[in-house]
All heavy atoms as atom14 arrays in JSON, in Angstrom:
{
  "sequence": "GIIIGVAAVIMTISAGQGATQEVQSQISGLGTNLLMISTKTEHRGYR",
  "atom14_mask": [
    [1, 1, 1, 1, 0, 0, 0, 0, 0, 0, 0, 0, 0, 0],
    [1, 1, 1, 1, 1, 1, 1, 1, 0, 0, 0, 0, 0, 0],
    [1, 1, 1, 1, 1, 1, 1, 1, 0, 0, 0, 0, 0, 0],
    [1, 1, 1, 1, 1, 1, 1, 1, 0, 0, 0, 0, 0, 0],
    [1, 1, 1, 1, 0, 0, 0, 0, 0, 0, 0, 0, 0, 0],
    [1, 1, 1, 1, 1, 1, 1, 0, 0, 0, 0, 0, 0, 0],
    [1, 1, 1, 1, 1, 0, 0, 0, 0, 0, 0, 0, 0, 0],
    [1, 1, 1, 1, 1, 0, 0, 0, 0, 0, 0, 0, 0, 0],
    [1, 1, 1, 1, 1, 1, 1, 0, 0, 0, 0, 0, 0, 0],
    [1, 1, 1, 1, 1, 1, 1, 1, 0, 0, 0, 0, 0, 0],
    [1, 1, 1, 1, 1, 1, 1, 1, 0, 0, 0, 0, 0, 0],
    [1, 1, 1, 1, 1, 1, 1, 0, 0, 0, 0, 0, 0, 0],
    [1, 1, 1, 1, 1, 1, 1, 1, 0, 0, 0, 0, 0, 0],
    [1, 1, 1, 1, 1, 1, 0, 0, 0, 0, 0, 0, 0, 0],
    [1, 1, 1, 1, 1, 0, 0, 0, 0, 0, 0, 0, 0, 0],
    [1, 1, 1, 1, 0, 0, 0, 0, 0, 0, 0, 0, 0, 0],
    [1, 1, 1, 1, 1, 1, 1, 1, 1, 0, 0, 0, 0, 0],
    [1, 1, 1, 1, 0, 0, 0, 0, 0, 0, 0, 0, 0, 0],
    [1, 1, 1, 1, 1, 0, 0, 0, 0, 0, 0, 0, 0, 0],
    [1, 1, 1, 1, 1, 1, 1, 0, 0, 0, 0, 0, 0, 0],
    [1, 1, 1, 1, 1, 1, 1, 1, 1, 0, 0, 0, 0, 0],
    [1, 1, 1, 1, 1, 1, 1, 1, 1, 0, 0, 0, 0, 0],
    [1, 1, 1, 1, 1, 1, 1, 0, 0, 0, 0, 0, 0, 0],
    [1, 1, 1, 1, 1, 1, 1, 1, 1, 0, 0, 0, 0, 0],
    [1, 1, 1, 1, 1, 1, 0, 0, 0, 0, 0, 0, 0, 0],
    [1, 1, 1, 1, 1, 1, 1, 1, 1, 0, 0, 0, 0, 0],
    [1, 1, 1, 1, 1, 1, 1, 1, 0, 0, 0, 0, 0, 0],
    [1, 1, 1, 1, 1, 1, 0, 0, 0, 0, 0, 0, 0, 0],
    [1, 1, 1, 1, 0, 0, 0, 0, 0, 0, 0, 0, 0, 0],
    [1, 1, 1, 1, 1, 1, 1, 1, 0, 0, 0, 0, 0, 0],
    [1, 1, 1, 1, 0, 0, 0, 0, 0, 0, 0, 0, 0, 0],
    [1, 1, 1, 1, 1, 1, 1, 0, 0, 0, 0, 0, 0, 0],
    [1, 1, 1, 1, 1, 1, 1, 1, 0, 0, 0, 0, 0, 0],
    [1, 1, 1, 1, 1, 1, 1, 1, 0, 0, 0, 0, 0, 0],
    [1, 1, 1, 1, 1, 1, 1, 1, 0, 0, 0, 0, 0, 0],
    [1, 1, 1, 1, 1, 1, 1, 1, 0, 0, 0, 0, 0, 0],
    [1, 1, 1, 1, 1, 1, 1, 1, 0, 0, 0, 0, 0, 0],
    [1, 1, 1, 1, 1, 1, 0, 0, 0, 0, 0, 0, 0, 0],
    [1, 1, 1, 1, 1, 1, 1, 0, 0, 0, 0, 0, 0, 0],
    [1, 1, 1, 1, 1, 1, 1, 1, 1, 0, 0, 0, 0, 0],
    [1, 1, 1, 1, 1, 1, 1, 0, 0, 0, 0, 0, 0, 0],
    [1, 1, 1, 1, 1, 1, 1, 1, 1, 0, 0, 0, 0, 0],
    [1, 1, 1, 1, 1, 1, 1, 1, 1, 1, 0, 0, 0, 0],
    [1, 1, 1, 1, 1, 1, 1, 1, 1, 1, 1, 0, 0, 0],
    [1, 1, 1, 1, 0, 0, 0, 0, 0, 0, 0, 0, 0, 0],
    [1, 1, 1, 1, 1, 1, 1, 1, 1, 1, 1, 1, 0, 0],
    [1, 1, 1, 1, 1, 1, 1, 1, 1, 1, 1, 0, 0, 0]
  ],
  "atom14_positions": [
    [[-101.66, -57.11, -252.55], [-100.66, -56.17, -253.06], [-101.28, -55.12, -253.96], [-100.92, -53.94, -253.88], [0.0, 0.0, 0.0], [0.0, 0.0, 0.0], [0.0, 0.0, 0.0], [0.0, 0.0, 0.0], [0.0, 0.0, 0.0], [0.0, 0.0, 0.0], [0.0, 0.0, 0.0], [0.0, 0.0, 0.0], [0.0, 0.0, 0.0], [0.0, 0.0, 0.0]],
    [[-102.2, -55.52, -254.79], [-102.88, -54.56, -255.68], [-103.71, -53.58, -254.87], [-103.68, -52.36, -255.11], [-103.74, -55.31, -256.71], [-102.85, -56.07, -257.7], [-104.66, -54.35, -257.46], [-103.59, -57.02, -258.6], [0.0, 0.0, 0.0], [0.0, 0.0, 0.0], [0.0, 0.0, 0.0], [0.0, 0.0, 0.0], [0.0, 0.0, 0.0], [0.0, 0.0, 0.0]],
    [[-104.42, -54.08, -253.87], [-105.26, -53.21, -253.03], [-104.4, -52.21, -252.27], [-104.71, -51.01, -252.23], [-106.12, -54.06, -252.07], [-107.17, -54.83, -252.86], [-106.76, -53.2, -251.0], [-107.88, -55.91, -252.07], [0.0, 0.0, 0.0], [0.0, 0.0, 0.0], [0.0, 0.0, 0.0], [0.0, 0.0, 0.0], [0.0, 0.0, 0.0], [0.0, 0.0, 0.0]],
    [[-103.29, -52.68, -251.68], [-102.4, -51.77, -250.94], [-101.78, -50.74, -251.87], [-101.67, -49.56, -251.52], [-101.33, -52.58, -250.19], [-101.97, -53.36, -249.04], [-100.22, -51.68, -249.66], [-101.04, -54.34, -248.35], [0.0, 0.0, 0.0], [0.0, 0.0, 0.0], [0.0, 0.0, 0.0], [0.0, 0.0, 0.0], [0.0, 0.0, 0.0], [0.0, 0.0, 0.0]],
    [[-101.38, -51.15, -253.05], [-100.79, -50.23, -254.01], [-101.75, -49.14, -254.46], [-101.39, -47.96, -254.51], [0.0, 0.0, 0.0], [0.0, 0.0, 0.0], [0.0, 0.0, 0.0], [0.0, 0.0, 0.0], [0.0, 0.0, 0.0], [0.0, 0.0, 0.0], [0.0, 0.0, 0.0], [0.0, 0.0, 0.0], [0.0, 0.0, 0.0], [0.0, 0.0, 0.0]],
    [[-102.96, -49.52, -254.77], [-103.97, -48.54, -255.18], [-104.29, -47.58, -254.04], [-104.4, -46.37, -254.23], [-105.25, -49.26, -255.69], [-106.39, -48.29, -255.87], [-104.96, -49.99, -256.99], [0.0, 0.0, 0.0], [0.0, 0.0, 0.0], [0.0, 0.0, 0.0], [0.0, 0.0, 0.0], [0.0, 0.0, 0.0], [0.0, 0.0, 0.0], [0.0, 0.0, 0.0]],
    [[-104.4, -48.12, -252.82], [-104.68, -47.27, -251.66], [-103.54, -46.28, -251.42], [-103.77, -45.11, -251.09], [-104.91, -48.12, -250.43], [0.0, 0.0, 0.0], [0.0, 0.0, 0.0], [0.0, 0.0, 0.0], [0.0, 0.0, 0.0], [0.0, 0.0, 0.0], [0.0, 0.0, 0.0], [0.0, 0.0, 0.0], [0.0, 0.0, 0.0], [0.0, 0.0, 0.0]],
    [[-102.3, -46.72, -251.61], [-101.14, -45.83, -251.42], [-101.14, -44.71, -252.44], [-100.85, -43.55, -252.1], [-99.85, -46.63, -251.51], [0.0, 0.0, 0.0], [0.0, 0.0, 0.0], [0.0, 0.0, 0.0], [0.0, 0.0, 0.0], [0.0, 0.0, 0.0], [0.0, 0.0, 0.0], [0.0, 0.0, 0.0], [0.0, 0.0, 0.0], [0.0, 0.0, 0.0]],
    [[-101.46, -45.01, -253.68], [-101.51, -43.98, -254.71], [-102.62, -42.97, -254.4], [-102.42, -41.76, -254.51], [-101.72, -44.62, -256.11], [-102.04, -43.57, -257.15], [-100.49, -45.39, -256.52], [0.0, 0.0, 0.0], [0.0, 0.0, 0.0], [0.0, 0.0, 0.0], [0.0, 0.0, 0.0], [0.0, 0.0, 0.0], [0.0, 0.0, 0.0], [0.0, 0.0, 0.0]],
    [[-103.77, -43.44, -254.01], [-104.9, -42.55, -253.68], [-104.54, -41.66, -252.51], [-104.81, -40.44, -252.52], [-106.17, -43.38, -253.39], [-106.68, -44.02, -254.68], [-107.25, -42.51, -252.77], [-107.8, -45.01, -254.49], [0.0, 0.0, 0.0], [0.0, 0.0, 0.0], [0.0, 0.0, 0.0], [0.0, 0.0, 0.0], [0.0, 0.0, 0.0], [0.0, 0.0, 0.0]],
    [[-103.9, -42.21, -251.47], [-103.53, -41.41, -250.31], [-102.46, -40.37, -250.66], [-102.51, -39.24, -250.18], [-103.03, -42.32, -249.18], [-104.14, -43.08, -248.53], [-103.72, -44.21, -247.17], [-102.03, -44.0, -246.85], [0.0, 0.0, 0.0], [0.0, 0.0, 0.0], [0.0, 0.0, 0.0], [0.0, 0.0, 0.0], [0.0, 0.0, 0.0], [0.0, 0.0, 0.0]],
    [[-101.52, -40.73, -251.51], [-100.48, -39.78, -251.91], [-101.07, -38.61, -252.7], [-100.73, -37.45, -252.45], [-99.41, -40.5, -252.76], [-98.87, -41.58, -252.0], [-98.3, -39.56, -253.16], [0.0, 0.0, 0.0], [0.0, 0.0, 0.0], [0.0, 0.0, 0.0], [0.0, 0.0, 0.0], [0.0, 0.0, 0.0], [0.0, 0.0, 0.0], [0.0, 0.0, 0.0]],
    [[-101.95, -38.91, -253.63], [-102.58, -37.86, -254.42], [-103.44, -36.96, -253.53], [-103.43, -35.74, -253.65], [-103.41, -38.47, -255.57], [-102.47, -39.1, -256.6], [-104.3, -37.43, -256.23], [-103.16, -39.89, -257.68], [0.0, 0.0, 0.0], [0.0, 0.0, 0.0], [0.0, 0.0, 0.0], [0.0, 0.0, 0.0], [0.0, 0.0, 0.0], [0.0, 0.0, 0.0]],
    [[-104.18, -37.58, -252.61], [-105.03, -36.8, -251.7], [-104.19, -35.89, -250.8], [-104.57, -34.73, -250.56], [-105.88, -37.72, -250.83], [-106.73, -38.49, -251.64], [0.0, 0.0, 0.0], [0.0, 0.0, 0.0], [0.0, 0.0, 0.0], [0.0, 0.0, 0.0], [0.0, 0.0, 0.0], [0.0, 0.0, 0.0], [0.0, 0.0, 0.0], [0.0, 0.0, 0.0]],
    [[-103.08, -36.39, -250.31], [-102.21, -35.57, -249.45], [-101.63, -34.4, -250.24], [-101.56, -33.28, -249.72], [-101.09, -36.43, -248.88], [0.0, 0.0, 0.0], [0.0, 0.0, 0.0], [0.0, 0.0, 0.0], [0.0, 0.0, 0.0], [0.0, 0.0, 0.0], [0.0, 0.0, 0.0], [0.0, 0.0, 0.0], [0.0, 0.0, 0.0], [0.0, 0.0, 0.0]],
    [[-101.25, -34.63, -251.47], [-100.73, -33.54, -252.3], [-101.77, -32.48, -252.59], [-101.49, -31.28, -252.52], [0.0, 0.0, 0.0], [0.0, 0.0, 0.0], [0.0, 0.0, 0.0], [0.0, 0.0, 0.0], [0.0, 0.0, 0.0], [0.0, 0.0, 0.0], [0.0, 0.0, 0.0], [0.0, 0.0, 0.0], [0.0, 0.0, 0.0], [0.0, 0.0, 0.0]],
    [[-102.99, -32.9, -252.88], [-104.05, -31.94, -253.13], [-104.42, -31.17, -251.87], [-104.68, -29.97, -251.91], [-105.29, -32.65, -253.7], [-105.1, -33.12, -255.12], [-106.3, -33.9, -255.63], [-107.19, -34.28, -254.88], [-106.33, -34.12, -256.94], [0.0, 0.0, 0.0], [0.0, 0.0, 0.0], [0.0, 0.0, 0.0], [0.0, 0.0, 0.0], [0.0, 0.0, 0.0]],
    [[-104.41, -31.85, -250.74], [-104.7, -31.18, -249.47], [-103.65, -30.15, -249.13], [-103.97, -29.04, -248.66], [0.0, 0.0, 0.0], [0.0, 0.0, 0.0], [0.0, 0.0, 0.0], [0.0, 0.0, 0.0], [0.0, 0.0, 0.0], [0.0, 0.0, 0.0], [0.0, 0.0, 0.0], [0.0, 0.0, 0.0], [0.0, 0.0, 0.0], [0.0, 0.0, 0.0]],
    [[-102.39, -30.48, -249.35], [-101.31, -29.52, -249.09], [-101.41, -28.32, -250.02], [-101.2, -27.18, -249.59], [-99.97, -30.21, -249.26], [0.0, 0.0, 0.0], [0.0, 0.0, 0.0], [0.0, 0.0, 0.0], [0.0, 0.0, 0.0], [0.0, 0.0, 0.0], [0.0, 0.0, 0.0], [0.0, 0.0, 0.0], [0.0, 0.0, 0.0], [0.0, 0.0, 0.0]],
    [[-101.74, -28.55, -251.27], [-101.91, -27.45, -252.23], [-103.02, -26.51, -251.78], [-102.86, -25.29, -251.8], [-102.21, -28.0, -253.63], [-101.14, -28.84, -254.04], [-102.39, -26.89, -254.64], [0.0, 0.0, 0.0], [0.0, 0.0, 0.0], [0.0, 0.0, 0.0], [0.0, 0.0, 0.0], [0.0, 0.0, 0.0], [0.0, 0.0, 0.0], [0.0, 0.0, 0.0]],
    [[-104.14, -27.07, -251.38], [-105.27, -26.24, -250.92], [-104.9, -25.46, -249.66], [-105.3, -24.3, -249.5], [-106.5, -27.11, -250.67], [-107.12, -27.63, -251.95], [-108.29, -28.56, -251.68], [-108.58, -28.9, -250.55], [-108.95, -29.0, -252.76], [0.0, 0.0, 0.0], [0.0, 0.0, 0.0], [0.0, 0.0, 0.0], [0.0, 0.0, 0.0], [0.0, 0.0, 0.0]],
    [[-104.15, -26.07, -248.76], [-103.75, -25.4, -247.52], [-102.84, -24.21, -247.82], [-103.02, -23.12, -247.27], [-103.04, -26.38, -246.59], [-102.57, -25.78, -245.3], [-103.7, -25.31, -244.39], [-104.82, -25.85, -244.5], [-103.46, -24.41, -243.58], [0.0, 0.0, 0.0], [0.0, 0.0, 0.0], [0.0, 0.0, 0.0], [0.0, 0.0, 0.0], [0.0, 0.0, 0.0]],
    [[-101.88, -24.4, -248.71], [-100.97, -23.31, -249.07], [-101.74, -22.19, -249.76], [-101.54, -21.0, -249.47], [-99.82, -23.82, -249.96], [-99.03, -22.68, -250.57], [-98.91, -24.73, -249.17], [0.0, 0.0, 0.0], [0.0, 0.0, 0.0], [0.0, 0.0, 0.0], [0.0, 0.0, 0.0], [0.0, 0.0, 0.0], [0.0, 0.0, 0.0], [0.0, 0.0, 0.0]],
    [[-102.64, -22.53, -250.66], [-103.43, -21.51, -251.34], [-104.31, -20.74, -250.36], [-104.45, -19.52, -250.48], [-104.3, -22.15, -252.43], [-103.51, -22.59, -253.64], [-104.38, -23.29, -254.68], [-105.52, -23.65, -254.42], [-103.82, -23.5, -255.86], [0.0, 0.0, 0.0], [0.0, 0.0, 0.0], [0.0, 0.0, 0.0], [0.0, 0.0, 0.0], [0.0, 0.0, 0.0]],
    [[-104.88, -21.41, -249.38], [-105.72, -20.7, -248.42], [-104.88, -19.8, -247.52], [-105.32, -18.72, -247.15], [-106.53, -21.69, -247.57], [-105.68, -22.41, -246.7], [0.0, 0.0, 0.0], [0.0, 0.0, 0.0], [0.0, 0.0, 0.0], [0.0, 0.0, 0.0], [0.0, 0.0, 0.0], [0.0, 0.0, 0.0], [0.0, 0.0, 0.0], [0.0, 0.0, 0.0]],
    [[-103.66, -20.22, -247.18], [-102.78, -19.36, -246.37], [-102.36, -18.13, -247.15], [-102.3, -17.03, -246.6], [-101.56, -20.15, -245.91], [-101.86, -21.14, -244.82], [-100.64, -21.91, -244.38], [-99.54, -21.71, -244.91], [-100.8, -22.8, -243.42], [0.0, 0.0, 0.0], [0.0, 0.0, 0.0], [0.0, 0.0, 0.0], [0.0, 0.0, 0.0], [0.0, 0.0, 0.0]],
    [[-102.05, -18.3, -248.43], [-101.65, -17.16, -249.25], [-102.82, -16.2, -249.44], [-102.66, -14.98, -249.35], [-101.08, -17.63, -250.61], [-99.73, -18.3, -250.39], [-100.94, -16.47, -251.59], [-99.14, -18.93, -251.62], [0.0, 0.0, 0.0], [0.0, 0.0, 0.0], [0.0, 0.0, 0.0], [0.0, 0.0, 0.0], [0.0, 0.0, 0.0], [0.0, 0.0, 0.0]],
    [[-104.01, -16.73, -249.69], [-105.16, -15.85, -249.87], [-105.54, -15.16, -248.57], [-106.1, -14.07, -248.57], [-106.35, -16.62, -250.43], [-106.82, -17.55, -249.49], [0.0, 0.0, 0.0], [0.0, 0.0, 0.0], [0.0, 0.0, 0.0], [0.0, 0.0, 0.0], [0.0, 0.0, 0.0], [0.0, 0.0, 0.0], [0.0, 0.0, 0.0], [0.0, 0.0, 0.0]],
    [[-105.21, -15.77, -247.44], [-105.5, -15.16, -246.15], [-104.59, -13.96, -245.85], [-104.91, -13.13, -245.01], [0.0, 0.0, 0.0], [0.0, 0.0, 0.0], [0.0, 0.0, 0.0], [0.0, 0.0, 0.0], [0.0, 0.0, 0.0], [0.0, 0.0, 0.0], [0.0, 0.0, 0.0], [0.0, 0.0, 0.0], [0.0, 0.0, 0.0], [0.0, 0.0, 0.0]],
    [[-103.47, -13.86, -246.54], [-102.58, -12.73, -246.34], [-103.19, -11.43, -246.86], [-102.9, -10.37, -246.35], [-101.23, -12.97, -247.04], [-100.35, -14.07, -246.49], [-99.14, -14.26, -247.38], [-99.91, -13.74, -245.08], [0.0, 0.0, 0.0], [0.0, 0.0, 0.0], [0.0, 0.0, 0.0], [0.0, 0.0, 0.0], [0.0, 0.0, 0.0], [0.0, 0.0, 0.0]],
    [[-103.98, -11.54, -247.88], [-104.56, -10.35, -248.49], [-103.71, -9.91, -249.67], [-102.52, -10.17, -249.74], [0.0, 0.0, 0.0], [0.0, 0.0, 0.0], [0.0, 0.0, 0.0], [0.0, 0.0, 0.0], [0.0, 0.0, 0.0], [0.0, 0.0, 0.0], [0.0, 0.0, 0.0], [0.0, 0.0, 0.0], [0.0, 0.0, 0.0], [0.0, 0.0, 0.0]],
    [[-104.34, -9.22, -250.59], [-103.62, -8.83, -251.8], [-102.67, -7.68, -251.56], [-101.7, -7.51, -252.29], [-104.61, -8.43, -252.91], [-105.45, -7.39, -252.41], [-105.45, -9.61, -253.33], [0.0, 0.0, 0.0], [0.0, 0.0, 0.0], [0.0, 0.0, 0.0], [0.0, 0.0, 0.0], [0.0, 0.0, 0.0], [0.0, 0.0, 0.0], [0.0, 0.0, 0.0]],
    [[-102.89, -6.86, -250.54], [-102.01, -5.71, -250.34], [-100.77, -6.06, -249.54], [-99.91, -5.21, -249.34], [-102.78, -4.57, -249.64], [-103.31, -5.0, -248.3], [-103.33, -6.18, -247.99], [-103.75, -4.04, -247.53], [0.0, 0.0, 0.0], [0.0, 0.0, 0.0], [0.0, 0.0, 0.0], [0.0, 0.0, 0.0], [0.0, 0.0, 0.0], [0.0, 0.0, 0.0]],
    [[-100.63, -7.3, -249.08], [-99.47, -7.67, -248.28], [-98.42, -8.43, -249.07], [-97.34, -8.68, -248.56], [-99.9, -8.52, -247.09], [-100.81, -7.84, -246.09], [-101.21, -8.82, -245.01], [-100.1, -6.65, -245.46], [0.0, 0.0, 0.0], [0.0, 0.0, 0.0], [0.0, 0.0, 0.0], [0.0, 0.0, 0.0], [0.0, 0.0, 0.0], [0.0, 0.0, 0.0]],
    [[-98.71, -8.81, -250.28], [-97.77, -9.58, -251.09], [-96.94, -8.63, -251.92], [-97.45, -7.92, -252.78], [-98.53, -10.56, -251.99], [-97.68, -11.51, -252.8], [-96.87, -12.4, -251.87], [-98.57, -12.38, -253.66], [0.0, 0.0, 0.0], [0.0, 0.0, 0.0], [0.0, 0.0, 0.0], [0.0, 0.0, 0.0], [0.0, 0.0, 0.0], [0.0, 0.0, 0.0]],
    [[-95.63, -8.58, -251.64], [-94.74, -7.67, -252.36], [-93.64, -8.49, -253.02], [-93.02, -9.34, -252.38], [-94.13, -6.65, -251.4], [-95.16, -5.72, -250.8], [-94.51, -4.62, -249.53], [-93.08, -3.95, -250.31], [0.0, 0.0, 0.0], [0.0, 0.0, 0.0], [0.0, 0.0, 0.0], [0.0, 0.0, 0.0], [0.0, 0.0, 0.0], [0.0, 0.0, 0.0]],
    [[-93.4, -8.2, -254.28], [-92.35, -8.86, -255.03], [-91.38, -7.79, -255.47], [-91.76, -6.78, -256.07], [-92.91, -9.61, -256.25], [-93.91, -10.67, -255.79], [-91.8, -10.23, -257.07], [-94.63, -11.35, -256.91], [0.0, 0.0, 0.0], [0.0, 0.0, 0.0], [0.0, 0.0, 0.0], [0.0, 0.0, 0.0], [0.0, 0.0, 0.0], [0.0, 0.0, 0.0]],
    [[-90.12, -7.97, -255.16], [-89.13, -6.98, -255.55], [-87.91, -7.68, -256.13], [-87.7, -8.87, -255.91], [-88.72, -6.12, -254.35], [-88.11, -6.93, -253.37], [0.0, 0.0, 0.0], [0.0, 0.0, 0.0], [0.0, 0.0, 0.0], [0.0, 0.0, 0.0], [0.0, 0.0, 0.0], [0.0, 0.0, 0.0], [0.0, 0.0, 0.0], [0.0, 0.0, 0.0]],
    [[-87.12, -6.92, -256.87], [-85.9, -7.46, -257.45], [-84.71, -6.82, -256.76], [-84.78, -5.71, -256.24], [-85.82, -7.18, -258.95], [-85.83, -5.77, -259.15], [-86.99, -7.81, -259.68], [0.0, 0.0, 0.0], [0.0, 0.0, 0.0], [0.0, 0.0, 0.0], [0.0, 0.0, 0.0], [0.0, 0.0, 0.0], [0.0, 0.0, 0.0], [0.0, 0.0, 0.0]],
    [[-83.62, -7.49, -256.79], [-82.4, -6.97, -256.21], [-81.61, -6.31, -257.34], [-81.31, -6.93, -258.35], [-81.58, -8.09, -255.59], [-80.3, -7.63, -254.98], [-79.54, -8.79, -254.39], [-78.2, -8.3, -253.86], [-77.4, -9.41, -253.35], [0.0, 0.0, 0.0], [0.0, 0.0, 0.0], [0.0, 0.0, 0.0], [0.0, 0.0, 0.0], [0.0, 0.0, 0.0]],
    [[-81.28, -5.03, -257.16], [-80.48, -4.34, -258.17], [-79.03, -4.34, -257.73], [-78.72, -4.24, -256.54], [-80.96, -2.89, -258.37], [-80.89, -2.22, -257.12], [-82.39, -2.87, -258.89], [0.0, 0.0, 0.0], [0.0, 0.0, 0.0], [0.0, 0.0, 0.0], [0.0, 0.0, 0.0], [0.0, 0.0, 0.0], [0.0, 0.0, 0.0], [0.0, 0.0, 0.0]],
    [[-78.18, -4.46, -258.68], [-76.76, -4.52, -258.39], [-76.07, -3.34, -259.05], [-76.25, -3.09, -260.23], [-76.19, -5.84, -258.92], [-74.75, -6.05, -258.57], [-74.27, -7.4, -259.04], [-75.02, -8.38, -258.9], [-73.16, -7.46, -259.55], [0.0, 0.0, 0.0], [0.0, 0.0, 0.0], [0.0, 0.0, 0.0], [0.0, 0.0, 0.0], [0.0, 0.0, 0.0]],
    [[-75.32, -2.6, -258.28], [-74.57, -1.45, -258.8], [-73.12, -1.89, -258.96], [-72.42, -2.12, -257.98], [-74.66, -0.25, -257.84], [-76.06, 0.23, -257.66], [-76.73, 0.93, -258.62], [-76.94, 0.08, -256.62], [-77.95, 1.22, -258.19], [-78.09, 0.7, -256.97], [0.0, 0.0, 0.0], [0.0, 0.0, 0.0], [0.0, 0.0, 0.0], [0.0, 0.0, 0.0]],
    [[-72.66, -1.98, -260.17], [-71.3, -2.42, -260.43], [-70.38, -1.21, -260.52], [-70.55, -0.35, -261.37], [-71.24, -3.22, -261.73], [-72.02, -4.5, -261.62], [-71.89, -5.29, -262.87], [-72.78, -6.45, -262.77], [-73.01, -7.27, -263.75], [-72.44, -7.1, -264.91], [-73.79, -8.29, -263.58], [0.0, 0.0, 0.0], [0.0, 0.0, 0.0], [0.0, 0.0, 0.0]],
    [[-69.41, -1.17, -259.65], [-68.41, -0.11, -259.71], [-68.85, 1.19, -259.1], [-68.08, 2.14, -259.04], [0.0, 0.0, 0.0], [0.0, 0.0, 0.0], [0.0, 0.0, 0.0], [0.0, 0.0, 0.0], [0.0, 0.0, 0.0], [0.0, 0.0, 0.0], [0.0, 0.0, 0.0], [0.0, 0.0, 0.0], [0.0, 0.0, 0.0], [0.0, 0.0, 0.0]],
    [[-70.06, 1.31, -258.66], [-70.56, 2.55, -258.09], [-70.99, 2.32, -256.65], [-71.55, 1.28, -256.32], [-71.76, 3.1, -258.88], [-71.38, 3.59, -260.25], [-71.56, 2.78, -261.36], [-70.84, 4.85, -260.43], [-71.22, 3.23, -262.62], [-70.49, 5.3, -261.68], [-70.67, 4.49, -262.77], [-70.32, 4.93, -264.0], [0.0, 0.0, 0.0], [0.0, 0.0, 0.0]],
    [[-70.73, 3.3, -255.85], [-71.14, 3.23, -254.46], [-71.99, 4.45, -254.16], [-71.55, 5.58, -254.39], [-69.91, 3.2, -253.58], [-70.18, 2.94, -252.17], [-68.88, 2.73, -251.45], [-69.06, 3.0, -250.05], [-68.1, 3.19, -249.22], [-66.86, 3.13, -249.64], [-68.34, 3.42, -247.97], [0.0, 0.0, 0.0], [0.0, 0.0, 0.0], [0.0, 0.0, 0.0]]
  ]
}
């Protein structure tokens, strides 16, 4: 039980770190000029 528990924790942490690295590599692969952040403006009472 102790061996299985330790192995499960190690695998969970490794999977999380692998997913983080994959997402970071996909974002960096987009390039810096392709990432755009914008806000939504709301016009109250005006059209």
